Amino acid sequence: MNNRIVLLLAASALASCASHNAPENERAGVGSAATTAERREMVHAAPSSAATIDGYKRDLALHISQASSGKVYDGRPQALLRSVVVLKYVIDANGNLVRSEIHRSNRDRVTESTALATLKTAAPFPRPAPHLLRHGRLEVLETWLFNNDGRFQLRTIAQPQMDQ
């Protein structure tokens, strides 16, 4: 099964579980701020099941993409991207975002701001496995691939770019 199908199946399963377990007033959209806070707390409390850094990085990419689903595009990245932004960020043992910075960019301020904002919006993250930490923290590099319309994919979970 290709990665895209697996991703869609996992997202569908998570969405149906969240909807099924949510009280009726939350499913109807009442108290949506509390629902968001509760979901963040559930993610914050749950450890990642990833045993490797690559597995955890994939979990993070899925988490960030889901938190900013309206800004993420489906399909393969276009051949000539508008912008590529690499962020370096640090997560502590509890999944909190400690710091983030632009590691590499083509100086497109709009896409840099979008990358930083989507990272901050997605925090807190699932807790990393203790053996992945160094001095209680984990440093991650992730690449945001921006199409001309300003939407992005994360390189960790993106399909290969189009040829032309």
C-alpha atoms as a PDB file:
ATOM      1  CA  MET A   1       0.000   0.000   0.000  1.00  0.00           C
ATOM      2  CA  ASN A   2       1.437   3.378  -0.832  1.00  0.00           C
ATOM      3  CA  ASN A   3       2.104   5.953   1.884  1.00  0.00           C
ATOM      4  CA  ARG A   4      -0.753   8.215   0.802  1.00  0.00           C
ATOM      5  CA  ILE A   5      -3.365   5.489   1.257  1.00  0.00           C
ATOM      6  CA  VAL A   6      -1.935   4.534   4.639  1.00  0.00           C
ATOM      7  CA  LEU A   7      -2.008   8.211   5.673  1.00  0.00           C
ATOM      8  CA  LEU A   8      -5.616   8.626   4.588  1.00  0.00           C
ATOM      9  CA  LEU A   9      -6.701   5.443   6.369  1.00  0.00           C
ATOM     10  CA  ALA A  10      -4.968   6.504   9.587  1.00  0.00           C
ATOM     11  CA  ALA A  11      -6.462  10.006   9.466  1.00  0.00           C
ATOM     12  CA  SER A  12      -9.908   8.575   8.777  1.00  0.00           C
ATOM     13  CA  ALA A  13      -9.639   6.154  11.687  1.00  0.00           C
ATOM     14  CA  LEU A  14      -8.498   8.917  14.055  1.00  0.00           C
ATOM     15  CA  ALA A  15     -11.272  11.239  12.916  1.00  0.00           C
ATOM     16  CA  SER A  16     -13.955   8.625  13.413  1.00  0.00           C
ATOM     17  CA  CYS A  17     -12.640   7.771  16.882  1.00  0.00           C
ATOM     18  CA  ALA A  18     -12.570  11.427  17.919  1.00  0.00           C
ATOM     19  CA  SER A  19     -16.061  12.030  16.597  1.00  0.00           C
ATOM     20  CA  HIS A  20     -17.469   8.860  18.141  1.00  0.00           C
ATOM     21  CA  ASN A  21     -15.994   9.527  21.581  1.00  0.00           C
ATOM     22  CA  ALA A  22     -16.794  13.239  21.735  1.00  0.00           C
ATOM     23  CA  PRO A  23     -19.897  14.382  23.606  1.00  0.00           C
ATOM     24  CA  GLU A  24     -22.780  15.394  21.356  1.00  0.00           C
ATOM     25  CA  ASN A  25     -22.394  19.146  22.017  1.00  0.00           C
ATOM     26  CA  GLU A  26     -18.730  19.022  20.938  1.00  0.00           C
ATOM     27  CA  ARG A  27     -19.575  17.123  17.737  1.00  0.00           C
ATOM     28  CA  ALA A  28     -22.099  19.807  16.944  1.00  0.00           C
ATOM     29  CA  GLY A  29     -19.417  22.491  17.258  1.00  0.00           C
ATOM     30  CA  VAL A  30     -20.476  23.807  20.675  1.00  0.00           C
ATOM     31  CA  GLY A  31     -17.502  24.532  22.907  1.00  0.00           C
ATOM     32  CA  SER A  32     -14.988  24.187  20.090  1.00  0.00           C
ATOM     33  CA  ALA A  33     -12.284  26.091  22.013  1.00  0.00           C
ATOM     34  CA  ALA A  34     -12.523  23.621  24.879  1.00  0.00           C
ATOM     35  CA  THR A  35     -12.436  20.752  22.407  1.00  0.00           C
ATOM     36  CA  THR A  36      -9.212  22.056  20.886  1.00  0.00           C
ATOM     37  CA  ALA A  37      -7.643  22.516  24.322  1.00  0.00           C
ATOM     38  CA  GLU A  38      -8.744  19.034  25.380  1.00  0.00           C
ATOM     39  CA  ARG A  39      -7.302  17.505  22.217  1.00  0.00           C
ATOM     40  CA  ARG A  40      -4.012  19.332  22.780  1.00  0.00           C
ATOM     41  CA  GLU A  41      -3.917  18.022  26.344  1.00  0.00           C
ATOM     42  CA  MET A  42      -4.573  14.464  25.154  1.00  0.00           C
ATOM     43  CA  VAL A  43      -1.743  14.709  22.615  1.00  0.00           C
ATOM     44  CA  HIS A  44       0.508  16.280  25.227  1.00  0.00           C
ATOM     45  CA  ALA A  45      -0.155  13.436  27.649  1.00  0.00           C
ATOM     46  CA  ALA A  46       0.328  10.656  25.096  1.00  0.00           C
ATOM     47  CA  PRO A  47       3.794   9.383  24.350  1.00  0.00           C
ATOM     48  CA  SER A  48       4.767   8.621  20.770  1.00  0.00           C
ATOM     49  CA  SER A  49       5.086   4.945  19.953  1.00  0.00           C
ATOM     50  CA  ALA A  50       7.986   5.664  17.581  1.00  0.00           C
ATOM     51  CA  ALA A  51      11.146   3.814  18.558  1.00  0.00           C
ATOM     52  CA  THR A  52      13.459   5.628  16.127  1.00  0.00           C
ATOM     53  CA  ILE A  53      14.171   9.267  15.369  1.00  0.00           C
ATOM     54  CA  ASP A  54      12.891   8.774  11.806  1.00  0.00           C
ATOM     55  CA  GLY A  55       9.667   7.253  13.137  1.00  0.00           C
ATOM     56  CA  TYR A  56       9.195  10.088  15.612  1.00  0.00           C
ATOM     57  CA  LYS A  57       9.950  12.665  12.915  1.00  0.00           C
ATOM     58  CA  ARG A  58       7.220  11.066  10.782  1.00  0.00           C
ATOM     59  CA  ASP A  59       4.802  11.277  13.742  1.00  0.00           C
ATOM     60  CA  LEU A  60       5.686  14.968  14.123  1.00  0.00           C
ATOM     61  CA  ALA A  61       5.161  15.665  10.411  1.00  0.00           C
ATOM     62  CA  LEU A  62       1.740  14.001  10.490  1.00  0.00           C
ATOM     63  CA  HIS A  63       0.849  15.937  13.657  1.00  0.00           C
ATOM     64  CA  ILE A  64       1.895  19.291  12.145  1.00  0.00           C
ATOM     65  CA  SER A  65       0.063  18.551   8.875  1.00  0.00           C
ATOM     66  CA  GLN A  66      -3.125  17.594  10.687  1.00  0.00           C
ATOM     67  CA  ALA A  67      -2.990  20.728  12.853  1.00  0.00           C
ATOM     68  CA  SER A  68      -2.693  22.903   9.711  1.00  0.00           C
ATOM     69  CA  SER A  69      -4.723  20.817   7.273  1.00  0.00           C
ATOM     70  CA  GLY A  70      -6.126  23.871   5.462  1.00  0.00           C
ATOM     71  CA  LYS A  71      -2.604  24.989   4.562  1.00  0.00           C
ATOM     72  CA  VAL A  72      -1.403  21.583   3.348  1.00  0.00           C
ATOM     73  CA  TYR A  73      -1.745  20.462  -0.269  1.00  0.00           C
ATOM     74  CA  ASP A  74      -2.359  16.923  -1.482  1.00  0.00           C
ATOM     75  CA  GLY A  75      -0.460  15.170  -4.224  1.00  0.00           C
ATOM     76  CA  ARG A  76       3.069  15.544  -5.430  1.00  0.00           C
ATOM     77  CA  PRO A  77       4.933  18.818  -4.951  1.00  0.00           C
ATOM     78  CA  GLN A  78       5.234  20.874  -8.119  1.00  0.00           C
ATOM     79  CA  ALA A  79       8.495  20.688 -10.085  1.00  0.00           C
ATOM     80  CA  LEU A  80       9.585  24.251  -9.291  1.00  0.00           C
ATOM     81  CA  LEU A  81       8.641  25.132  -5.735  1.00  0.00           C
ATOM     82  CA  ARG A  82       7.863  28.664  -4.608  1.00  0.00           C
ATOM     83  CA  SER A  83       9.905  28.220  -1.469  1.00  0.00           C
ATOM     84  CA  VAL A  84      11.747  25.676   0.643  1.00  0.00           C
ATOM     85  CA  VAL A  85      12.031  26.500   4.346  1.00  0.00           C
ATOM     86  CA  VAL A  86      14.037  24.335   6.731  1.00  0.00           C
ATOM     87  CA  LEU A  87      13.267  24.815  10.418  1.00  0.00           C
ATOM     88  CA  LYS A  88      15.362  23.598  13.296  1.00  0.00           C
ATOM     89  CA  TYR A  89      13.318  23.122  16.431  1.00  0.00           C
ATOM     90  CA  VAL A  90      13.738  21.599  19.855  1.00  0.00           C
ATOM     91  CA  ILE A  91      11.188  19.523  21.759  1.00  0.00           C
ATOM     92  CA  ASP A  92      11.502  18.662  25.443  1.00  0.00           C
ATOM     93  CA  ALA A  93      10.673  15.353  27.135  1.00  0.00           C
ATOM     94  CA  ASN A  94       7.034  16.430  27.599  1.00  0.00           C
ATOM     95  CA  GLY A  95       6.513  17.317  23.918  1.00  0.00           C
ATOM     96  CA  ASN A  96       6.734  21.072  24.440  1.00  0.00           C
ATOM     97  CA  LEU A  97       8.244  23.265  21.750  1.00  0.00           C
ATOM     98  CA  VAL A  98      11.311  24.798  23.427  1.00  0.00           C
ATOM     99  CA  ARG A  99      12.574  26.892  20.504  1.00  0.00           C
ATOM    100  CA  SER A 100      12.444  27.125  16.740  1.00  0.00           C
ATOM    101  CA  GLU A 101      14.475  28.940  14.141  1.00  0.00           C
ATOM    102  CA  ILE A 102      14.881  29.174  10.406  1.00  0.00           C
ATOM    103  CA  HIS A 103      17.794  26.975   9.455  1.00  0.00           C
ATOM    104  CA  ARG A 104      17.672  27.582   5.688  1.00  0.00           C
ATOM    105  CA  SER A 105      15.385  29.556   3.387  1.00  0.00           C
ATOM    106  CA  ASN A 106      15.148  31.458   0.122  1.00  0.00           C
ATOM    107  CA  ARG A 107      14.148  34.541   2.171  1.00  0.00           C
ATOM    108  CA  ASP A 108      10.451  34.436   1.260  1.00  0.00           C
ATOM    109  CA  ARG A 109       9.125  36.093   4.433  1.00  0.00           C
ATOM    110  CA  VAL A 110       5.542  34.917   3.906  1.00  0.00           C
ATOM    111  CA  THR A 111       6.488  31.244   3.699  1.00  0.00           C
ATOM    112  CA  GLU A 112       8.963  31.570   6.565  1.00  0.00           C
ATOM    113  CA  SER A 113       6.179  33.024   8.731  1.00  0.00           C
ATOM    114  CA  THR A 114       3.776  30.280   7.669  1.00  0.00           C
ATOM    115  CA  ALA A 115       6.290  27.540   8.515  1.00  0.00           C
ATOM    116  CA  LEU A 116       7.014  29.003  11.962  1.00  0.00           C
ATOM    117  CA  ALA A 117       3.311  29.621  12.675  1.00  0.00           C
ATOM    118  CA  THR A 118       2.238  26.096  11.710  1.00  0.00           C
ATOM    119  CA  LEU A 119       4.932  24.643  13.951  1.00  0.00           C
ATOM    120  CA  LYS A 120       3.801  26.754  16.914  1.00  0.00           C
ATOM    121  CA  THR A 121       0.130  25.993  16.238  1.00  0.00           C
ATOM    122  CA  ALA A 122       0.811  22.253  16.302  1.00  0.00           C
ATOM    123  CA  ALA A 123       2.538  22.347  19.718  1.00  0.00           C
ATOM    124  CA  PRO A 124       2.501  20.557  22.069  1.00  0.00           C
ATOM    125  CA  PHE A 125       3.674  17.385  20.348  1.00  0.00           C
ATOM    126  CA  PRO A 126       3.518  13.734  21.354  1.00  0.00           C
ATOM    127  CA  ARG A 127       6.191  12.984  23.937  1.00  0.00           C
ATOM    128  CA  PRO A 128       9.322  11.451  22.406  1.00  0.00           C
ATOM    129  CA  ALA A 129      10.599   8.126  23.712  1.00  0.00           C
ATOM    130  CA  PRO A 130      13.190   8.739  26.451  1.00  0.00           C
ATOM    131  CA  HIS A 131      15.987   7.026  24.501  1.00  0.00           C
ATOM    132  CA  LEU A 132      15.614   9.602  21.679  1.00  0.00           C
ATOM    133  CA  LEU A 133      16.434  12.520  23.986  1.00  0.00           C
ATOM    134  CA  ARG A 134      19.797  14.153  24.607  1.00  0.00           C
ATOM    135  CA  HIS A 135      19.934  16.136  27.838  1.00  0.00           C
ATOM    136  CA  GLY A 136      16.137  15.917  28.046  1.00  0.00           C
ATOM    137  CA  ARG A 137      15.565  17.385  24.574  1.00  0.00           C
ATOM    138  CA  LEU A 138      15.344  16.404  20.936  1.00  0.00           C
ATOM    139  CA  GLU A 139      16.492  18.627  18.066  1.00  0.00           C
ATOM    140  CA  VAL A 140      14.632  18.174  14.783  1.00  0.00           C
ATOM    141  CA  LEU A 141      15.148  19.530  11.267  1.00  0.00           C
ATOM    142  CA  GLU A 142      12.092  19.593   8.994  1.00  0.00           C
ATOM    143  CA  THR A 143      11.603  21.001   5.515  1.00  0.00           C
ATOM    144  CA  TRP A 144       8.450  22.836   4.431  1.00  0.00           C
ATOM    145  CA  LEU A 145       7.904  22.585   0.635  1.00  0.00           C
ATOM    146  CA  PHE A 146       5.718  25.450  -0.614  1.00  0.00           C
ATOM    147  CA  ASN A 147       3.747  25.471  -3.864  1.00  0.00           C
ATOM    148  CA  ASN A 148       2.978  28.738  -5.664  1.00  0.00           C
ATOM    149  CA  ASP A 149      -0.364  29.071  -3.853  1.00  0.00           C
ATOM    150  CA  GLY A 150       1.326  29.191  -0.431  1.00  0.00           C
ATOM    151  CA  ARG A 151       0.239  25.734   0.723  1.00  0.00           C
ATOM    152  CA  PHE A 152       2.906  23.285   1.872  1.00  0.00           C
ATOM    153  CA  GLN A 153       3.896  19.707   2.504  1.00  0.00           C
ATOM    154  CA  LEU A 154       6.525  18.476   4.897  1.00  0.00           C
ATOM    155  CA  ARG A 155       9.405  16.671   3.225  1.00  0.00           C
ATOM    156  CA  THR A 156       9.307  13.801   5.743  1.00  0.00           C
ATOM    157  CA  ILE A 157       5.882  12.704   4.468  1.00  0.00           C
ATOM    158  CA  ALA A 158       5.785  14.306   0.990  1.00  0.00           C
ATOM    159  CA  GLN A 159       5.664  12.355  -2.231  1.00  0.00           C
ATOM    160  CA  PRO A 160       8.518  12.864  -4.730  1.00  0.00           C
ATOM    161  CA  GLN A 161       8.375  16.120  -6.681  1.00  0.00           C
ATOM    162  CA  MET A 162       6.871  16.245 -10.167  1.00  0.00           C
ATOM    163  CA  ASP A 163       9.378  16.013 -12.998  1.00  0.00           C
ATOM    164  CA  GLN A 164       8.134  19.093 -14.923  1.00  0.00           C
END
